[in-house]
Structure formats: structure tokens, C-alpha cells
Amino acid sequence: MQRSFSFVATFVLGLLVLASMTIFTVDQRQYAIIFQLGEVKSVISEPGLVFKWPLIQNVRFFDKRILTLDSAEPERFLTAEKKPVQVDSFVKWRIHNVKQYYISVGGDEAVAKTRLMQTVNSGLREEFGRRTVHDVVSGKRESIMVEVQKKADADMRAIGVEIVDVRLKRVDLPPEVSESVYRRMETERKRVANELRSQGAADSEKIRANADRQSEVIIAEAYRDAQQIKGEGDAKAASIYGQAFGANPEFYSFYRSLEAYRASFKNKSDLLVIEPNSEFFKYLKSSGRGK
């Protein structure tokens, strides 16, 4: 009985060992390559249980996730003006064709990273060499990253690698050139500011001159209209006076004389030198006769 139990246990253990050599699991984050006598037999890209022949076949796993290659130290590149800049960058990449990746670099991630860093640095050197310091520091980072990503991806596809993204974390000027660059940028900003001030002053003069011209035109038109209205009023008043004089000349003469008296003797200190028999006293002399 004990011998039978030992045989069964040994048989079961053997089956387990055989199963472990025959069945393996592919994780959803992995690729798997099955080799038969050193040659690539098949590539497994989907997760699940996979069977292989024991002893004559073996398997290697490769990461399917997006990986990051971060430069340990900032790289030094020259711009179009031959000014050095220090660039800190990183790359997002992943295995696109695992069979080609294995054939090209032997599945060694360190070798792939070395090739990748050389390709990206070459692309950055080319792009920075076509642009000025002002462009790479302030205005053209996005276009640099896009161009480098495209060129690096086209090159790395040959070894089964896809470049997902290239990013510039920092672009700094070395201390020896920072001061001169900042002075030049300050001078340029001052020049632009002076141009804007000059343009503003010119526009201000134009607006002021136009306002003065419109003011003179409005005043002149108002004075013209006022004189016209005044003339029309004087003409109408003269017409009314004429009609009144024609209707009763004696009363009109009397009324005008009273107005003249009122204007002449307005103040107590007023003095009038005139002959007593003057027509001016006509109604004063006759004022008492009606009584």
C-alpha cells in the first residue's frame, strides 16, 4: 500500500513538472517569444495560457508597456548662432515589433536604449542647429519635439521600436552666455516698446488733430446757424415793427419815445445836454396838456 502511494505521488509530481515545462502564462503587459533550438518559433502577443514542447522549446518575455528613457545628465547642443544650450529631455517608447526587436538588439533593453538615445540626441542636435537661442528657449519647443519624435520614430521602427513621445523638460543657457543673451533680449524688448510708444504718439496726434478739426467745423456750423436764426428774428421783428408803425404811427412814435426816455434817464446821475425845443422832448412837453 505504501509502495502504491509513493508511485502515485511520484507520478503526480512528474505530471506537475511536465505541465510546468509545457504550459506557461502570458501576462497582458507582456510579449512572449517561443524559441525552438535557438530559433524563433512563434510570437505571442495576446494574454492567456500557452503550450510549448518541453526540453526542445523555451520562452522569453518582453515588456509591452510604454517605457521611459530619461537622460541622466543634460546634453549640450549648439544653436544656429553657435551658442551652447543645455537640454534635459526624456523619451517615451515601446516595443512595436517584438520579433524584429529581438533580431535587431538580441532583446537587450540596454542596447535598445543606447541606440534610442543616440538617435534622439542626433535629432535634437540637428533641430537645435537650425534655430536661434530665442527660438529654442521661448518659441519653438513644440515644433522641435514634434520633428525629433517623427525622425526618431522612423529610424527606430527598423529595430521594432515605436517612439511615442519626445519631451524637453528644460532648456538652459550656460552661465557664460546667459548674461549676453539676456542683454540682447532686453535690448530687443526695449526697441519694440519704443516702436509701440512712437506709433501710439503718432496715432494720438492724428486723433487729436481730427478732434480739433471736427470741433472747429461744429463751432463754425453752429455760429452760421445762430447768425441765420438771428437774422431771421431781426427780419421778423422789423416786419412786426413796420406793421405796427403802419397801423398807428402816432402810437408807435409815442412808444419809441418812451423807450428812449427810459434808456436816457436810467440812472440819477445821467446828464443829457440838448436844446429845449428839440423833438426829443415832444411828448414830455405835451404830457400835461391832456389834463
C-alpha atoms as a PDB file:
ATOM      1  CA  MET A   1       0.000   0.000   0.000  1.00  0.00           C
ATOM      2  CA  GLN A   2       2.780   2.384   0.873  1.00  0.00           C
ATOM      3  CA  ARG A   3       4.599   1.463  -2.328  1.00  0.00           C
ATOM      4  CA  SER A   4       1.475   2.253  -4.381  1.00  0.00           C
ATOM      5  CA  PHE A   5       1.069   5.592  -2.648  1.00  0.00           C
ATOM      6  CA  SER A   6       4.703   6.507  -3.356  1.00  0.00           C
ATOM      7  CA  PHE A   7       4.257   5.559  -7.007  1.00  0.00           C
ATOM      8  CA  VAL A   8       1.142   7.724  -7.341  1.00  0.00           C
ATOM      9  CA  ALA A   9       2.842  10.658  -5.623  1.00  0.00           C
ATOM     10  CA  THR A  10       5.850  10.327  -7.906  1.00  0.00           C
ATOM     11  CA  PHE A  11       3.599  10.098 -10.952  1.00  0.00           C
ATOM     12  CA  VAL A  12       1.622  13.174  -9.933  1.00  0.00           C
ATOM     13  CA  LEU A  13       4.822  15.099  -9.229  1.00  0.00           C
ATOM     14  CA  GLY A  14       6.135  14.129 -12.611  1.00  0.00           C
ATOM     15  CA  LEU A  15       2.946  15.329 -14.257  1.00  0.00           C
ATOM     16  CA  LEU A  16       3.237  18.660 -12.443  1.00  0.00           C
ATOM     17  CA  VAL A  17       6.842  19.080 -13.531  1.00  0.00           C
ATOM     18  CA  LEU A  18       5.898  18.164 -17.106  1.00  0.00           C
ATOM     19  CA  ALA A  19       2.977  20.623 -17.011  1.00  0.00           C
ATOM     20  CA  SER A  20       5.243  23.399 -15.732  1.00  0.00           C
ATOM     21  CA  MET A  21       7.596  22.719 -18.608  1.00  0.00           C
ATOM     22  CA  THR A  22       4.734  22.575 -21.114  1.00  0.00           C
ATOM     23  CA  ILE A  23       2.336  25.352 -20.029  1.00  0.00           C
ATOM     24  CA  PHE A  24       3.159  28.987 -19.345  1.00  0.00           C
ATOM     25  CA  THR A  25       1.130  32.171 -18.849  1.00  0.00           C
ATOM     26  CA  VAL A  26       1.440  35.348 -20.895  1.00  0.00           C
ATOM     27  CA  ASP A  27       0.501  38.491 -18.972  1.00  0.00           C
ATOM     28  CA  GLN A  28      -1.416  41.263 -20.719  1.00  0.00           C
ATOM     29  CA  ARG A  29       1.597  43.545 -20.157  1.00  0.00           C
ATOM     30  CA  GLN A  30       3.984  41.201 -21.971  1.00  0.00           C
ATOM     31  CA  TYR A  31       5.012  39.754 -25.293  1.00  0.00           C
ATOM     32  CA  ALA A  32       6.338  36.204 -25.400  1.00  0.00           C
ATOM     33  CA  ILE A  33       8.641  34.596 -27.981  1.00  0.00           C
ATOM     34  CA  ILE A  34       8.848  30.814 -28.194  1.00  0.00           C
ATOM     35  CA  PHE A  35      12.245  29.528 -29.347  1.00  0.00           C
ATOM     36  CA  GLN A  36      12.910  26.058 -30.725  1.00  0.00           C
ATOM     37  CA  LEU A  37      16.530  25.058 -30.690  1.00  0.00           C
ATOM     38  CA  GLY A  38      17.567  28.738 -30.635  1.00  0.00           C
ATOM     39  CA  GLU A  39      15.335  29.850 -33.484  1.00  0.00           C
ATOM     40  CA  VAL A  40      12.175  31.981 -33.197  1.00  0.00           C
ATOM     41  CA  LYS A  41       9.248  29.621 -33.490  1.00  0.00           C
ATOM     42  CA  SER A  42       6.296  31.908 -32.676  1.00  0.00           C
ATOM     43  CA  VAL A  43       5.383  35.250 -31.098  1.00  0.00           C
ATOM     44  CA  ILE A  44       2.599  35.515 -28.513  1.00  0.00           C
ATOM     45  CA  SER A  45       1.058  38.984 -28.155  1.00  0.00           C
ATOM     46  CA  GLU A  46      -2.264  38.084 -26.508  1.00  0.00           C
ATOM     47  CA  PRO A  47      -2.588  37.183 -22.795  1.00  0.00           C
ATOM     48  CA  GLY A  48      -3.531  33.682 -21.676  1.00  0.00           C
ATOM     49  CA  LEU A  49      -2.226  30.105 -21.285  1.00  0.00           C
ATOM     50  CA  VAL A  50       0.176  28.883 -23.968  1.00  0.00           C
ATOM     51  CA  PHE A  51       1.624  25.404 -24.617  1.00  0.00           C
ATOM     52  CA  LYS A  52       5.152  24.598 -25.710  1.00  0.00           C
ATOM     53  CA  TRP A  53       7.198  21.469 -26.178  1.00  0.00           C
ATOM     54  CA  PRO A  54       9.277  20.733 -23.139  1.00  0.00           C
ATOM     55  CA  LEU A  55      13.042  20.464 -23.408  1.00  0.00           C
ATOM     56  CA  ILE A  56      13.182  21.490 -27.080  1.00  0.00           C
ATOM     57  CA  GLN A  57      11.361  24.820 -26.732  1.00  0.00           C
ATOM     58  CA  ASN A  58      11.925  27.749 -24.382  1.00  0.00           C
ATOM     59  CA  VAL A  59      10.251  31.138 -23.947  1.00  0.00           C
ATOM     60  CA  ARG A  60      11.371  34.744 -23.306  1.00  0.00           C
ATOM     61  CA  PHE A  61       9.159  37.607 -22.183  1.00  0.00           C
ATOM     62  CA  PHE A  62       9.342  41.274 -23.235  1.00  0.00           C
ATOM     63  CA  ASP A  63       7.587  44.303 -21.799  1.00  0.00           C
ATOM     64  CA  LYS A  64       4.637  45.563 -23.823  1.00  0.00           C
ATOM     65  CA  ARG A  65       4.103  48.769 -21.783  1.00  0.00           C
ATOM     66  CA  ILE A  66       5.261  52.284 -22.648  1.00  0.00           C
ATOM     67  CA  LEU A  67       8.751  52.752 -21.237  1.00  0.00           C
ATOM     68  CA  THR A  68      10.619  55.917 -20.299  1.00  0.00           C
ATOM     69  CA  LEU A  69      14.165  56.795 -21.246  1.00  0.00           C
ATOM     70  CA  ASP A  70      15.310  59.768 -19.171  1.00  0.00           C
ATOM     71  CA  SER A  71      18.702  61.347 -19.760  1.00  0.00           C
ATOM     72  CA  ALA A  72      20.917  61.158 -16.682  1.00  0.00           C
ATOM     73  CA  GLU A  73      22.606  64.493 -17.406  1.00  0.00           C
ATOM     74  CA  PRO A  74      21.595  67.447 -19.622  1.00  0.00           C
ATOM     75  CA  GLU A  75      23.068  67.271 -23.113  1.00  0.00           C
ATOM     76  CA  ARG A  76      24.908  70.212 -24.635  1.00  0.00           C
ATOM     77  CA  PHE A  77      23.866  71.387 -28.138  1.00  0.00           C
ATOM     78  CA  LEU A  78      24.788  74.349 -30.345  1.00  0.00           C
ATOM     79  CA  THR A  79      22.202  76.705 -31.822  1.00  0.00           C
ATOM     80  CA  ALA A  80      22.286  78.398 -35.221  1.00  0.00           C
ATOM     81  CA  GLU A  81      24.407  81.227 -33.711  1.00  0.00           C
ATOM     82  CA  LYS A  82      26.850  78.632 -32.340  1.00  0.00           C
ATOM     83  CA  LYS A  83      25.643  79.330 -28.816  1.00  0.00           C
ATOM     84  CA  PRO A  84      25.643  76.319 -26.450  1.00  0.00           C
ATOM     85  CA  VAL A  85      22.487  75.300 -24.612  1.00  0.00           C
ATOM     86  CA  GLN A  86      21.945  72.566 -22.034  1.00  0.00           C
ATOM     87  CA  VAL A  87      18.945  70.362 -22.788  1.00  0.00           C
ATOM     88  CA  ASP A  88      17.252  67.945 -20.391  1.00  0.00           C
ATOM     89  CA  SER A  89      14.863  65.591 -22.199  1.00  0.00           C
ATOM     90  CA  PHE A  90      13.098  62.258 -21.933  1.00  0.00           C
ATOM     91  CA  VAL A  91      11.598  59.766 -24.397  1.00  0.00           C
ATOM     92  CA  LYS A  92       8.506  57.577 -24.204  1.00  0.00           C
ATOM     93  CA  TRP A  93       8.884  54.367 -26.234  1.00  0.00           C
ATOM     94  CA  ARG A  94       7.612  50.810 -26.508  1.00  0.00           C
ATOM     95  CA  ILE A  95       8.279  47.613 -28.411  1.00  0.00           C
ATOM     96  CA  HIS A  96       6.247  47.624 -31.596  1.00  0.00           C
ATOM     97  CA  ASN A  97       7.517  44.511 -33.370  1.00  0.00           C
ATOM     98  CA  VAL A  98       8.919  42.130 -30.776  1.00  0.00           C
ATOM     99  CA  LYS A  99      10.407  39.706 -33.313  1.00  0.00           C
ATOM    100  CA  GLN A 100      12.273  42.484 -35.116  1.00  0.00           C
ATOM    101  CA  TYR A 101      13.288  43.876 -31.729  1.00  0.00           C
ATOM    102  CA  TYR A 102      14.843  40.552 -30.762  1.00  0.00           C
ATOM    103  CA  ILE A 103      16.589  40.132 -34.110  1.00  0.00           C
ATOM    104  CA  SER A 104      17.996  43.693 -34.067  1.00  0.00           C
ATOM    105  CA  VAL A 105      19.214  44.065 -30.479  1.00  0.00           C
ATOM    106  CA  GLY A 106      19.022  40.498 -29.192  1.00  0.00           C
ATOM    107  CA  GLY A 107      16.173  41.503 -26.900  1.00  0.00           C
ATOM    108  CA  ASP A 108      18.613  43.505 -24.772  1.00  0.00           C
ATOM    109  CA  GLU A 109      16.839  46.601 -23.426  1.00  0.00           C
ATOM    110  CA  ALA A 110      20.147  48.316 -22.594  1.00  0.00           C
ATOM    111  CA  VAL A 111      21.285  48.035 -26.212  1.00  0.00           C
ATOM    112  CA  ALA A 112      17.919  49.380 -27.409  1.00  0.00           C
ATOM    113  CA  LYS A 113      18.157  52.347 -25.017  1.00  0.00           C
ATOM    114  CA  THR A 114      21.672  53.158 -26.229  1.00  0.00           C
ATOM    115  CA  ARG A 115      20.509  53.123 -29.845  1.00  0.00           C
ATOM    116  CA  LEU A 116      17.448  55.177 -28.917  1.00  0.00           C
ATOM    117  CA  MET A 117      19.445  57.819 -27.026  1.00  0.00           C
ATOM    118  CA  GLN A 118      21.873  58.189 -29.937  1.00  0.00           C
ATOM    119  CA  THR A 119      19.007  58.649 -32.386  1.00  0.00           C
ATOM    120  CA  VAL A 120      17.170  61.211 -30.251  1.00  0.00           C
ATOM    121  CA  ASN A 121      20.343  63.187 -29.492  1.00  0.00           C
ATOM    122  CA  SER A 122      21.183  63.286 -33.195  1.00  0.00           C
ATOM    123  CA  GLY A 123      17.723  64.626 -33.987  1.00  0.00           C
ATOM    124  CA  LEU A 124      17.925  67.243 -31.221  1.00  0.00           C
ATOM    125  CA  ARG A 125      21.360  68.354 -32.395  1.00  0.00           C
ATOM    126  CA  GLU A 126      20.021  68.832 -35.918  1.00  0.00           C
ATOM    127  CA  GLU A 127      16.906  70.739 -34.812  1.00  0.00           C
ATOM    128  CA  PHE A 128      18.761  73.000 -32.372  1.00  0.00           C
ATOM    129  CA  GLY A 129      21.393  73.728 -35.017  1.00  0.00           C
ATOM    130  CA  ARG A 130      18.664  75.169 -37.278  1.00  0.00           C
ATOM    131  CA  ARG A 131      17.223  77.566 -34.667  1.00  0.00           C
ATOM    132  CA  THR A 132      18.330  80.576 -32.659  1.00  0.00           C
ATOM    133  CA  VAL A 133      18.650  80.755 -28.884  1.00  0.00           C
ATOM    134  CA  HIS A 134      15.458  82.811 -28.704  1.00  0.00           C
ATOM    135  CA  ASP A 135      13.561  80.139 -30.659  1.00  0.00           C
ATOM    136  CA  VAL A 136      14.686  77.189 -28.559  1.00  0.00           C
ATOM    137  CA  VAL A 137      14.262  78.994 -25.234  1.00  0.00           C
ATOM    138  CA  SER A 138      10.859  80.588 -25.778  1.00  0.00           C
ATOM    139  CA  GLY A 139       9.018  79.998 -29.018  1.00  0.00           C
ATOM    140  CA  LYS A 140       9.780  76.778 -30.898  1.00  0.00           C
ATOM    141  CA  ARG A 141       9.946  73.975 -28.336  1.00  0.00           C
ATOM    142  CA  GLU A 142       6.782  72.276 -29.527  1.00  0.00           C
ATOM    143  CA  SER A 143       7.920  72.114 -33.147  1.00  0.00           C
ATOM    144  CA  ILE A 144      11.324  70.772 -32.057  1.00  0.00           C
ATOM    145  CA  MET A 145       9.720  67.939 -30.069  1.00  0.00           C
ATOM    146  CA  VAL A 146       7.369  67.040 -32.926  1.00  0.00           C
ATOM    147  CA  GLU A 147      10.162  66.916 -35.517  1.00  0.00           C
ATOM    148  CA  VAL A 148      12.505  64.878 -33.313  1.00  0.00           C
ATOM    149  CA  GLN A 149       9.707  62.419 -32.465  1.00  0.00           C
ATOM    150  CA  LYS A 150       8.898  61.883 -36.151  1.00  0.00           C
ATOM    151  CA  LYS A 151      12.529  61.346 -37.203  1.00  0.00           C
ATOM    152  CA  ALA A 152      13.390  59.109 -34.241  1.00  0.00           C
ATOM    153  CA  ASP A 153      10.268  57.006 -34.761  1.00  0.00           C
ATOM    154  CA  ALA A 154      11.083  56.491 -38.437  1.00  0.00           C
ATOM    155  CA  ASP A 155      14.607  55.343 -37.523  1.00  0.00           C
ATOM    156  CA  MET A 156      13.698  53.125 -34.571  1.00  0.00           C
ATOM    157  CA  ARG A 157      10.948  51.290 -36.467  1.00  0.00           C
ATOM    158  CA  ALA A 158      13.807  49.411 -38.131  1.00  0.00           C
ATOM    159  CA  ILE A 159      14.562  47.683 -34.817  1.00  0.00           C
ATOM    160  CA  GLY A 160      10.921  47.133 -33.860  1.00  0.00           C
ATOM    161  CA  VAL A 161      10.587  50.126 -31.515  1.00  0.00           C
ATOM    162  CA  GLU A 162       7.910  52.855 -31.629  1.00  0.00           C
ATOM    163  CA  ILE A 163       8.670  56.359 -30.310  1.00  0.00           C
ATOM    164  CA  VAL A 164       5.531  57.551 -28.534  1.00  0.00           C
ATOM    165  CA  ASP A 165       6.757  60.981 -27.465  1.00  0.00           C
ATOM    166  CA  VAL A 166       9.826  63.168 -27.046  1.00  0.00           C
ATOM    167  CA  ARG A 167       9.750  65.909 -24.401  1.00  0.00           C
ATOM    168  CA  LEU A 168      12.102  68.722 -23.469  1.00  0.00           C
ATOM    169  CA  LYS A 169      11.976  69.164 -19.709  1.00  0.00           C
ATOM    170  CA  ARG A 170      14.351  72.090 -19.587  1.00  0.00           C
ATOM    171  CA  VAL A 171      16.458  74.211 -21.919  1.00  0.00           C
ATOM    172  CA  ASP A 172      19.047  76.300 -20.096  1.00  0.00           C
ATOM    173  CA  LEU A 173      21.782  78.638 -21.161  1.00  0.00           C
ATOM    174  CA  PRO A 174      25.270  78.032 -19.795  1.00  0.00           C
ATOM    175  CA  PRO A 175      26.360  80.756 -17.362  1.00  0.00           C
ATOM    176  CA  GLU A 176      28.928  82.123 -19.791  1.00  0.00           C
ATOM    177  CA  VAL A 177      26.314  83.065 -22.388  1.00  0.00           C
ATOM    178  CA  SER A 178      23.256  83.751 -20.233  1.00  0.00           C
ATOM    179  CA  GLU A 179      24.147  87.358 -19.465  1.00  0.00           C
ATOM    180  CA  SER A 180      24.836  88.345 -23.078  1.00  0.00           C
ATOM    181  CA  VAL A 181      21.668  86.662 -24.309  1.00  0.00           C
ATOM    182  CA  TYR A 182      19.542  88.340 -21.658  1.00  0.00           C
ATOM    183  CA  ARG A 183      21.033  91.744 -22.523  1.00  0.00           C
ATOM    184  CA  ARG A 184      20.255  91.225 -26.183  1.00  0.00           C
ATOM    185  CA  MET A 185      16.696  90.131 -25.388  1.00  0.00           C
ATOM    186  CA  GLU A 186      16.272  93.177 -23.146  1.00  0.00           C
ATOM    187  CA  THR A 187      17.535  95.465 -25.931  1.00  0.00           C
ATOM    188  CA  GLU A 188      15.119  93.878 -28.383  1.00  0.00           C
ATOM    189  CA  ARG A 189      12.211  94.329 -25.992  1.00  0.00           C
ATOM    190  CA  LYS A 190      13.125  97.974 -25.446  1.00  0.00           C
ATOM    191  CA  ARG A 191      13.273  98.523 -29.205  1.00  0.00           C
ATOM    192  CA  VAL A 192       9.808  97.019 -29.644  1.00  0.00           C
ATOM    193  CA  ALA A 193       8.481  99.092 -26.734  1.00  0.00           C
ATOM    194  CA  ASN A 194       9.878 102.307 -28.251  1.00  0.00           C
ATOM    195  CA  GLU A 195       8.304 101.480 -31.599  1.00  0.00           C
ATOM    196  CA  LEU A 196       4.962 100.927 -29.913  1.00  0.00           C
ATOM    197  CA  ARG A 197       5.263 104.201 -27.992  1.00  0.00           C
ATOM    198  CA  SER A 198       6.137 106.093 -31.183  1.00  0.00           C
ATOM    199  CA  GLN A 199       3.218 104.546 -33.008  1.00  0.00           C
ATOM    200  CA  GLY A 200       0.933 105.397 -30.107  1.00  0.00           C
ATOM    201  CA  ALA A 201       2.128 109.012 -30.056  1.00  0.00           C
ATOM    202  CA  ALA A 202       1.548 109.325 -33.810  1.00  0.00           C
ATOM    203  CA  ASP A 203      -1.942 107.860 -33.510  1.00  0.00           C
ATOM    204  CA  SER A 204      -2.642 110.206 -30.584  1.00  0.00           C
ATOM    205  CA  GLU A 205      -1.670 113.238 -32.673  1.00  0.00           C
ATOM    206  CA  LYS A 206      -3.886 112.084 -35.520  1.00  0.00           C
ATOM    207  CA  ILE A 207      -6.846 111.594 -33.185  1.00  0.00           C
ATOM    208  CA  ARG A 208      -6.266 114.980 -31.509  1.00  0.00           C
ATOM    209  CA  ALA A 209      -5.956 116.795 -34.857  1.00  0.00           C
ATOM    210  CA  ASN A 210      -9.098 115.128 -36.142  1.00  0.00           C
ATOM    211  CA  ALA A 211     -10.985 116.081 -32.955  1.00  0.00           C
ATOM    212  CA  ASP A 212      -9.795 119.711 -33.229  1.00  0.00           C
ATOM    213  CA  ARG A 213     -10.883 119.868 -36.868  1.00  0.00           C
ATOM    214  CA  GLN A 214     -14.298 118.432 -36.062  1.00  0.00           C
ATOM    215  CA  SER A 215     -14.646 120.886 -33.148  1.00  0.00           C
ATOM    216  CA  GLU A 216     -13.900 123.866 -35.415  1.00  0.00           C
ATOM    217  CA  VAL A 217     -16.351 122.600 -38.013  1.00  0.00           C
ATOM    218  CA  ILE A 218     -19.097 122.136 -35.393  1.00  0.00           C
ATOM    219  CA  ILE A 219     -18.497 125.605 -33.893  1.00  0.00           C
ATOM    220  CA  ALA A 220     -18.486 127.233 -37.338  1.00  0.00           C
ATOM    221  CA  GLU A 221     -21.698 125.485 -38.346  1.00  0.00           C
ATOM    222  CA  ALA A 222     -23.318 126.444 -35.021  1.00  0.00           C
ATOM    223  CA  TYR A 223     -22.273 130.093 -35.445  1.00  0.00           C
ATOM    224  CA  ARG A 224     -23.622 130.065 -39.017  1.00  0.00           C
ATOM    225  CA  ASP A 225     -26.939 128.626 -37.853  1.00  0.00           C
ATOM    226  CA  ALA A 226     -27.105 131.127 -34.953  1.00  0.00           C
ATOM    227  CA  GLN A 227     -26.463 134.071 -37.265  1.00  0.00           C
ATOM    228  CA  GLN A 228     -29.062 132.789 -39.677  1.00  0.00           C
ATOM    229  CA  ILE A 229     -31.654 132.419 -36.885  1.00  0.00           C
ATOM    230  CA  LYS A 230     -30.734 135.840 -35.517  1.00  0.00           C
ATOM    231  CA  GLY A 231     -31.082 137.390 -38.937  1.00  0.00           C
ATOM    232  CA  GLU A 232     -34.450 135.748 -39.417  1.00  0.00           C
ATOM    233  CA  GLY A 233     -35.525 137.027 -35.961  1.00  0.00           C
ATOM    234  CA  ASP A 234     -34.366 140.562 -36.712  1.00  0.00           C
ATOM    235  CA  ALA A 235     -36.184 140.494 -40.027  1.00  0.00           C
ATOM    236  CA  LYS A 236     -39.361 139.248 -38.383  1.00  0.00           C
ATOM    237  CA  ALA A 237     -39.073 141.861 -35.617  1.00  0.00           C
ATOM    238  CA  ALA A 238     -38.570 144.611 -38.181  1.00  0.00           C
ATOM    239  CA  SER A 239     -41.599 143.329 -40.059  1.00  0.00           C
ATOM    240  CA  ILE A 240     -43.696 143.413 -36.870  1.00  0.00           C
ATOM    241  CA  TYR A 241     -42.451 146.923 -36.034  1.00  0.00           C
ATOM    242  CA  GLY A 242     -43.234 148.012 -39.562  1.00  0.00           C
ATOM    243  CA  GLN A 243     -46.743 146.594 -39.377  1.00  0.00           C
ATOM    244  CA  ALA A 244     -47.318 148.246 -36.002  1.00  0.00           C
ATOM    245  CA  PHE A 245     -45.992 151.600 -37.277  1.00  0.00           C
ATOM    246  CA  GLY A 246     -48.197 151.371 -40.309  1.00  0.00           C
ATOM    247  CA  ALA A 247     -51.298 150.591 -38.229  1.00  0.00           C
ATOM    248  CA  ASN A 248     -50.853 153.562 -35.774  1.00  0.00           C
ATOM    249  CA  PRO A 249     -47.881 155.775 -36.481  1.00  0.00           C
ATOM    250  CA  GLU A 250     -48.645 158.175 -33.635  1.00  0.00           C
ATOM    251  CA  PHE A 251     -48.757 155.438 -31.011  1.00  0.00           C
ATOM    252  CA  TYR A 252     -45.619 153.864 -32.426  1.00  0.00           C
ATOM    253  CA  SER A 253     -43.790 157.199 -32.211  1.00  0.00           C
ATOM    254  CA  PHE A 254     -45.004 157.639 -28.643  1.00  0.00           C
ATOM    255  CA  TYR A 255     -43.847 154.136 -27.636  1.00  0.00           C
ATOM    256  CA  ARG A 256     -40.438 154.622 -29.152  1.00  0.00           C
ATOM    257  CA  SER A 257     -40.044 157.938 -27.362  1.00  0.00           C
ATOM    258  CA  LEU A 258     -40.848 156.310 -24.026  1.00  0.00           C
ATOM    259  CA  GLU A 259     -38.191 153.697 -24.651  1.00  0.00           C
ATOM    260  CA  ALA A 260     -35.726 156.472 -25.459  1.00  0.00           C
ATOM    261  CA  TYR A 261     -36.631 158.319 -22.232  1.00  0.00           C
ATOM    262  CA  ARG A 262     -36.215 155.123 -20.210  1.00  0.00           C
ATOM    263  CA  ALA A 263     -32.805 154.458 -21.700  1.00  0.00           C
ATOM    264  CA  SER A 264     -31.631 158.085 -21.317  1.00  0.00           C
ATOM    265  CA  PHE A 265     -32.700 158.608 -17.703  1.00  0.00           C
ATOM    266  CA  LYS A 266     -31.868 155.192 -16.387  1.00  0.00           C
ATOM    267  CA  ASN A 267     -29.553 156.461 -13.621  1.00  0.00           C
ATOM    268  CA  LYS A 268     -29.942 159.525 -11.399  1.00  0.00           C
ATOM    269  CA  SER A 269     -26.519 160.759 -12.336  1.00  0.00           C
ATOM    270  CA  ASP A 270     -27.205 160.677 -16.066  1.00  0.00           C
ATOM    271  CA  LEU A 271     -26.803 164.052 -17.764  1.00  0.00           C
ATOM    272  CA  LEU A 272     -28.347 164.957 -21.110  1.00  0.00           C
ATOM    273  CA  VAL A 273     -27.361 168.189 -22.952  1.00  0.00           C
ATOM    274  CA  ILE A 274     -29.958 169.029 -25.569  1.00  0.00           C
ATOM    275  CA  GLU A 275     -31.884 172.099 -26.777  1.00  0.00           C
ATOM    276  CA  PRO A 276     -35.242 172.605 -25.008  1.00  0.00           C
ATOM    277  CA  ASN A 277     -37.153 172.864 -28.249  1.00  0.00           C
ATOM    278  CA  SER A 278     -35.777 169.577 -29.534  1.00  0.00           C
ATOM    279  CA  GLU A 279     -38.130 166.913 -30.904  1.00  0.00           C
ATOM    280  CA  PHE A 280     -36.785 164.647 -28.160  1.00  0.00           C
ATOM    281  CA  PHE A 281     -38.994 166.462 -25.590  1.00  0.00           C
ATOM    282  CA  LYS A 282     -42.056 166.417 -27.764  1.00  0.00           C
ATOM    283  CA  TYR A 283     -44.095 164.081 -25.559  1.00  0.00           C
ATOM    284  CA  LEU A 284     -42.663 165.488 -22.300  1.00  0.00           C
ATOM    285  CA  LYS A 285     -43.857 168.961 -23.240  1.00  0.00           C
ATOM    286  CA  SER A 286     -47.298 167.787 -24.221  1.00  0.00           C
ATOM    287  CA  SER A 287     -47.783 165.420 -21.302  1.00  0.00           C
ATOM    288  CA  GLY A 288     -49.504 167.972 -19.151  1.00  0.00           C
ATOM    289  CA  ARG A 289     -51.876 169.349 -21.785  1.00  0.00           C
ATOM    290  CA  GLY A 290     -54.173 166.401 -21.645  1.00  0.00           C
ATOM    291  CA  LYS A 291     -55.078 167.169 -18.028  1.00  0.00           C
END
